[in-house]
């Protein structure tokens, strides 16, 4: 009606009202990992550089003859593997690390798991910011148009790691020794993933077993993208993206169904 003041429009509720909490926890994880300063980031780089140096010196004569640009091949494998290994190792103990926060405040419990994963992912992005210029200026790998697919591959890897981390976090809260078990299993996975050796030196039957791992598929596509300038295989990338999305959805469902039992387990 004329002359009547307009009613205020109802405020829209944000889709994810806890994004500020997620950001604060990510920043806290970065500070705890000494990533808040340039010196802290240099310490972050030390681990992959040391691993690269040791593996390169050990395997250049044995494996290097089967792989062109073995230094590039090894660097890409180490950086991608290091993200998965570091993120999952922190995630498996994430509920126990944030015990007081979980027991005193109500919020989606998956934030506790995703925040360290995102913090490690940020450090991996910084590592790639250093790696890509090194590939070009030092190792002679010129930028190519296929490099544009690298962010897509990294996002798929992030989603796969996040989904897997949610499962590991629940197992870590349920079983006190899960962090030690995962340390052993991840060490075995390191040797079962073609990080420092090519698939060509593996027997054909065993190659099929290794290709069942999504990490192996991502490594193959990332190396083809960066070293040969080849776009990722679209059917494989689509399959990995679907698998990543399903793992995140399943992981979120597991954490939310476990949240009532979680407090009881943390009180033990």
Protein backbone atom coordinates (compact mmCIF):
# COMPACT_ATOMS: atom_id res chain seq x y z
CA UNK A 1 0.00 0.00 0.00
CA UNK A 2 1.10 3.56 -0.68
CA UNK A 3 2.67 5.35 2.23
CA UNK A 4 3.55 2.17 4.13
CA UNK A 5 7.27 1.51 4.79
CA UNK A 6 8.75 -1.40 2.92
CA UNK A 7 9.40 -4.49 4.97
CA UNK A 8 13.09 -5.34 5.34
CA UNK A 9 14.13 -8.24 3.17
CA UNK A 10 15.12 -11.28 5.19
CA UNK A 11 18.88 -11.69 5.45
CA UNK A 12 20.21 -14.58 3.47
CA UNK A 13 21.95 -17.19 5.53
CA UNK A 14 25.42 -17.94 4.15
CA UNK A 15 25.80 -21.38 2.66
CA UNK A 16 28.76 -22.13 4.89
CA UNK A 17 28.62 -19.91 8.00
CA UNK A 18 31.80 -21.46 9.44
CA UNK A 19 34.14 -20.31 6.68
CA UNK A 20 35.66 -17.73 9.03
CA UNK A 21 36.47 -20.47 11.54
CA UNK A 22 37.98 -22.60 8.77
CA UNK A 23 40.17 -19.69 7.67
CA UNK A 24 41.35 -19.02 11.21
CA UNK A 25 42.25 -22.67 11.75
CA UNK A 26 44.12 -22.80 8.43
CA UNK A 27 46.12 -19.71 9.43
CA UNK A 28 46.80 -21.24 12.83
CA UNK A 29 48.05 -24.45 11.20
CA UNK A 30 50.33 -22.44 8.93
CA UNK A 31 51.83 -20.61 11.91
CA UNK A 32 52.29 -23.86 13.81
CA UNK A 33 54.13 -25.26 10.80
CA UNK A 34 56.37 -22.16 10.69
CA UNK A 35 54.91 -21.03 7.39
CA UNK A 36 54.09 -17.52 8.52
CA UNK A 37 57.55 -16.16 7.56
CA UNK A 38 59.93 -16.52 4.64
CA UNK A 39 62.34 -18.47 6.83
CA UNK A 40 59.57 -20.87 7.81
CA UNK A 41 58.80 -21.50 4.14
CA UNK A 42 62.48 -22.22 3.49
CA UNK A 43 62.31 -24.90 6.18
CA UNK A 44 59.26 -26.30 4.38
CA UNK A 45 61.29 -26.55 1.18
CA UNK A 46 64.13 -28.36 2.93
CA UNK A 47 62.36 -31.73 3.14
CA UNK A 48 61.58 -32.18 -0.60
CA UNK A 49 65.00 -30.78 -1.56
CA UNK A 50 66.79 -33.21 0.76
CA UNK A 51 64.66 -36.14 -0.45
CA UNK A 52 65.33 -35.18 -4.08
CA UNK A 53 69.07 -34.95 -3.48
CA UNK A 54 69.29 -38.36 -1.82
CA UNK A 55 67.11 -40.19 -4.35
CA UNK A 56 68.76 -38.50 -7.32
CA UNK A 57 72.26 -39.48 -6.18
CA UNK A 58 71.17 -43.05 -5.46
CA UNK A 59 69.15 -43.79 -8.60
CA UNK A 60 70.45 -41.55 -11.40
CA UNK A 61 72.78 -44.26 -12.79
CA UNK A 62 70.32 -47.12 -12.36
CA UNK A 63 66.96 -45.50 -13.19
CA UNK A 64 68.05 -42.32 -14.96
CA UNK A 65 68.92 -44.20 -18.16
CA UNK A 66 65.25 -45.23 -18.53
CA UNK A 67 63.85 -41.69 -18.07
CA UNK A 68 64.56 -38.53 -20.04
CA UNK A 69 64.98 -35.51 -17.76
CA UNK A 70 65.13 -37.69 -14.68
CA UNK A 71 65.65 -34.68 -12.38
CA UNK A 72 62.34 -33.17 -13.50
CA UNK A 73 60.61 -36.56 -13.28
CA UNK A 74 61.81 -37.01 -9.71
CA UNK A 75 61.06 -33.46 -8.56
CA UNK A 76 57.43 -33.59 -9.73
CA UNK A 77 56.91 -36.95 -8.04
CA UNK A 78 58.41 -35.82 -4.74
CA UNK A 79 56.42 -32.58 -4.51
CA UNK A 80 53.09 -34.27 -5.24
CA UNK A 81 53.79 -37.22 -2.96
CA UNK A 82 54.99 -34.95 -0.15
CA UNK A 83 51.67 -33.11 -0.17
CA UNK A 84 49.68 -36.33 0.16
CA UNK A 85 51.95 -37.79 2.82
CA UNK A 86 52.18 -34.64 4.98
CA UNK A 87 48.47 -33.84 4.74
CA UNK A 88 47.30 -37.33 5.67
CA UNK A 89 49.86 -37.66 8.48
CA UNK A 90 48.52 -34.51 10.12
CA UNK A 91 44.89 -35.39 9.42
CA UNK A 92 45.06 -38.79 11.11
CA UNK A 93 45.75 -37.12 14.49
CA UNK A 94 43.68 -33.97 13.85
CA UNK A 95 40.79 -34.84 16.18
CA UNK A 96 43.14 -35.64 19.04
CA UNK A 97 45.15 -32.47 18.42
CA UNK A 98 42.01 -30.32 18.65
CA UNK A 99 40.46 -32.25 21.53
CA UNK A 100 39.68 -29.18 23.67
CA UNK A 101 38.13 -27.26 20.79
CA UNK A 102 35.87 -30.15 19.86
CA UNK A 103 34.74 -30.84 23.41
CA UNK A 104 33.90 -27.20 24.21
CA UNK A 105 32.35 -25.81 21.02
CA UNK A 106 29.75 -26.89 18.49
CA UNK A 107 30.78 -26.64 14.83
CA UNK A 108 31.16 -29.01 11.89
CA UNK A 109 33.88 -31.45 12.91
CA UNK A 110 35.23 -31.80 9.39
CA UNK A 111 36.73 -28.31 9.73
CA UNK A 112 39.30 -29.73 12.14
CA UNK A 113 40.43 -32.19 9.45
CA UNK A 114 40.26 -29.92 6.42
CA UNK A 115 42.17 -27.01 7.95
CA UNK A 116 45.56 -28.80 8.17
CA UNK A 117 45.02 -30.30 4.71
CA UNK A 118 44.46 -26.82 3.28
CA UNK A 119 47.48 -25.47 5.15
CA UNK A 120 49.71 -28.16 3.63
CA UNK A 121 48.14 -27.53 0.21
CA UNK A 122 49.07 -23.85 0.48
CA UNK A 123 52.69 -24.76 1.16
CA UNK A 124 52.58 -27.12 -1.86
CA UNK A 125 51.38 -24.26 -4.06
CA UNK A 126 54.35 -22.23 -2.86
CA UNK A 127 56.64 -25.14 -3.66
CA UNK A 128 55.26 -25.22 -7.21
CA UNK A 129 55.79 -21.45 -7.42
CA UNK A 130 59.48 -22.20 -6.83
CA UNK A 131 59.56 -25.43 -8.88
CA UNK A 132 58.13 -24.10 -12.16
CA UNK A 133 60.72 -21.32 -12.64
CA UNK A 134 63.45 -23.85 -11.74
CA UNK A 135 62.16 -26.21 -14.42
CA UNK A 136 62.41 -23.42 -16.97
CA UNK A 137 65.55 -21.53 -15.96
CA UNK A 138 67.72 -24.34 -14.55
CA UNK A 139 66.49 -27.61 -16.05
CA UNK A 140 65.54 -26.23 -19.47
CA UNK A 141 61.88 -27.22 -19.55
CA UNK A 142 60.14 -24.35 -21.33
CA UNK A 143 56.54 -23.42 -20.33
CA UNK A 144 53.88 -24.95 -22.55
CA UNK A 145 50.15 -24.48 -22.97
CA UNK A 146 49.50 -27.83 -21.24
CA UNK A 147 50.76 -26.31 -17.99
CA UNK A 148 47.34 -24.64 -17.76
CA UNK A 149 45.96 -28.05 -16.71
CA UNK A 150 48.22 -28.20 -13.65
CA UNK A 151 45.76 -26.32 -11.36
CA UNK A 152 43.03 -28.82 -12.31
CA UNK A 153 45.28 -31.75 -11.45
CA UNK A 154 46.22 -30.14 -8.14
CA UNK A 155 42.57 -29.55 -7.24
CA UNK A 156 41.74 -33.19 -7.97
CA UNK A 157 44.67 -34.24 -5.80
CA UNK A 158 43.45 -31.91 -3.05
CA UNK A 159 39.95 -33.39 -3.15
CA UNK A 160 41.25 -36.98 -3.11
CA UNK A 161 43.54 -36.19 -0.20
CA UNK A 162 40.79 -34.37 1.71
CA UNK A 163 38.36 -37.25 1.31
CA UNK A 164 40.94 -39.81 2.36
CA UNK A 165 41.98 -37.61 5.29
CA UNK A 166 38.42 -37.53 6.62
CA UNK A 167 38.40 -41.33 6.80
CA UNK A 168 41.82 -41.39 8.43
CA UNK A 169 40.75 -38.82 11.04
CA UNK A 170 37.84 -41.01 12.14
CA UNK A 171 40.11 -44.05 12.32
CA UNK A 172 42.66 -42.00 14.24
CA UNK A 173 40.06 -41.05 16.84
CA UNK A 174 38.74 -44.60 17.11
CA UNK A 175 42.11 -46.36 17.31
CA UNK A 176 44.95 -44.79 19.28
CA UNK A 177 47.70 -46.45 17.25
CA UNK A 178 46.35 -45.40 13.86
CA UNK A 179 49.01 -42.73 13.35
CA UNK A 180 51.75 -45.36 13.71
CA UNK A 181 49.89 -47.77 11.45
CA UNK A 182 49.47 -45.07 8.82
CA UNK A 183 53.17 -44.16 9.03
CA UNK A 184 54.02 -47.75 8.10
CA UNK A 185 51.37 -47.96 5.36
CA UNK A 186 52.34 -44.64 3.81
CA UNK A 187 55.98 -45.77 3.72
CA UNK A 188 54.87 -48.85 1.79
CA UNK A 189 52.78 -46.66 -0.54
CA UNK A 190 55.87 -44.56 -1.29
CA UNK A 191 57.59 -47.59 -2.84
CA UNK A 192 54.40 -48.77 -4.57
CA UNK A 193 53.98 -45.41 -6.31
CA UNK A 194 56.27 -44.53 -9.27
CA UNK A 195 57.95 -41.56 -7.60
CA UNK A 196 61.61 -42.33 -8.26
CA UNK A 197 61.25 -45.10 -10.86
CA UNK A 198 59.35 -45.31 -14.19
CA UNK A 199 56.51 -47.70 -14.85
CA UNK A 200 58.46 -49.18 -17.79
CA UNK A 201 60.83 -51.12 -15.51
CA UNK A 202 57.91 -52.88 -13.77
CA UNK A 203 56.48 -56.15 -15.07
CA UNK A 204 53.33 -55.64 -17.11
CA UNK A 205 51.10 -57.52 -14.67
CA UNK A 206 52.32 -55.46 -11.75
CA UNK A 207 51.91 -52.26 -13.73
CA UNK A 208 48.17 -52.91 -13.85
CA UNK A 209 48.11 -53.18 -10.06
CA UNK A 210 50.02 -49.91 -9.63
CA UNK A 211 47.68 -48.15 -12.07
CA UNK A 212 44.76 -48.89 -9.74
CA UNK A 213 46.11 -46.15 -7.47
CA UNK A 214 44.70 -42.68 -8.25
CA UNK A 215 48.02 -41.21 -7.09
CA UNK A 216 49.81 -43.11 -9.85
CA UNK A 217 47.37 -41.82 -12.45
CA UNK A 218 47.80 -38.24 -11.24
CA UNK A 219 51.59 -38.54 -11.30
CA UNK A 220 51.53 -39.82 -14.89
CA UNK A 221 49.32 -36.96 -16.06
CA UNK A 222 51.21 -34.29 -14.12
CA UNK A 223 54.54 -35.42 -15.57
CA UNK A 224 53.14 -35.61 -19.09
CA UNK A 225 51.74 -32.11 -18.62
CA UNK A 226 54.95 -30.54 -17.30
CA UNK A 227 57.60 -32.53 -19.19
CA UNK A 228 56.05 -33.40 -22.57
CA UNK A 229 53.49 -30.62 -22.77
CA UNK A 230 50.68 -33.15 -23.15
CA UNK A 231 47.17 -32.42 -21.90
CA UNK A 232 45.84 -34.87 -19.28
CA UNK A 233 43.87 -37.83 -20.57
CA UNK A 234 40.33 -36.50 -20.32
CA UNK A 235 38.68 -39.84 -19.55
CA UNK A 236 41.18 -40.51 -16.74
CA UNK A 237 40.89 -36.96 -15.39
CA UNK A 238 37.09 -37.17 -15.40
CA UNK A 239 37.21 -40.50 -13.59
CA UNK A 240 39.61 -39.14 -10.99
CA UNK A 241 37.43 -36.05 -10.49
CA UNK A 242 34.36 -38.23 -9.90
CA UNK A 243 36.31 -40.45 -7.50
CA UNK A 244 37.59 -37.38 -5.66
CA UNK A 245 34.09 -35.93 -5.31
CA UNK A 246 32.70 -39.24 -4.07
CA UNK A 247 35.50 -39.60 -1.53
CA UNK A 248 34.81 -36.12 -0.13
CA UNK A 249 31.07 -36.77 0.10
CA UNK A 250 31.60 -40.17 1.73
CA UNK A 251 34.19 -38.74 4.12
CA UNK A 252 31.90 -35.91 5.17
CA UNK A 253 29.07 -38.37 5.73
CA UNK A 254 31.28 -40.56 7.89
CA UNK A 255 32.53 -37.67 10.03
CA UNK A 256 29.02 -36.30 10.59
CA UNK A 257 27.65 -39.71 11.51
CA UNK A 258 30.57 -40.20 13.90
CA UNK A 259 30.41 -36.79 15.61
CA UNK A 260 28.35 -37.96 18.61
CA UNK A 261 30.65 -40.88 19.30
CA UNK A 262 33.68 -38.66 18.73
CA UNK A 263 33.34 -36.75 22.01
CA UNK A 264 33.08 -40.00 23.94
CA UNK A 265 36.23 -41.33 22.31
CA UNK A 266 38.15 -38.13 23.01
CA UNK A 267 37.21 -38.30 26.70
CA UNK A 268 38.85 -41.70 27.10
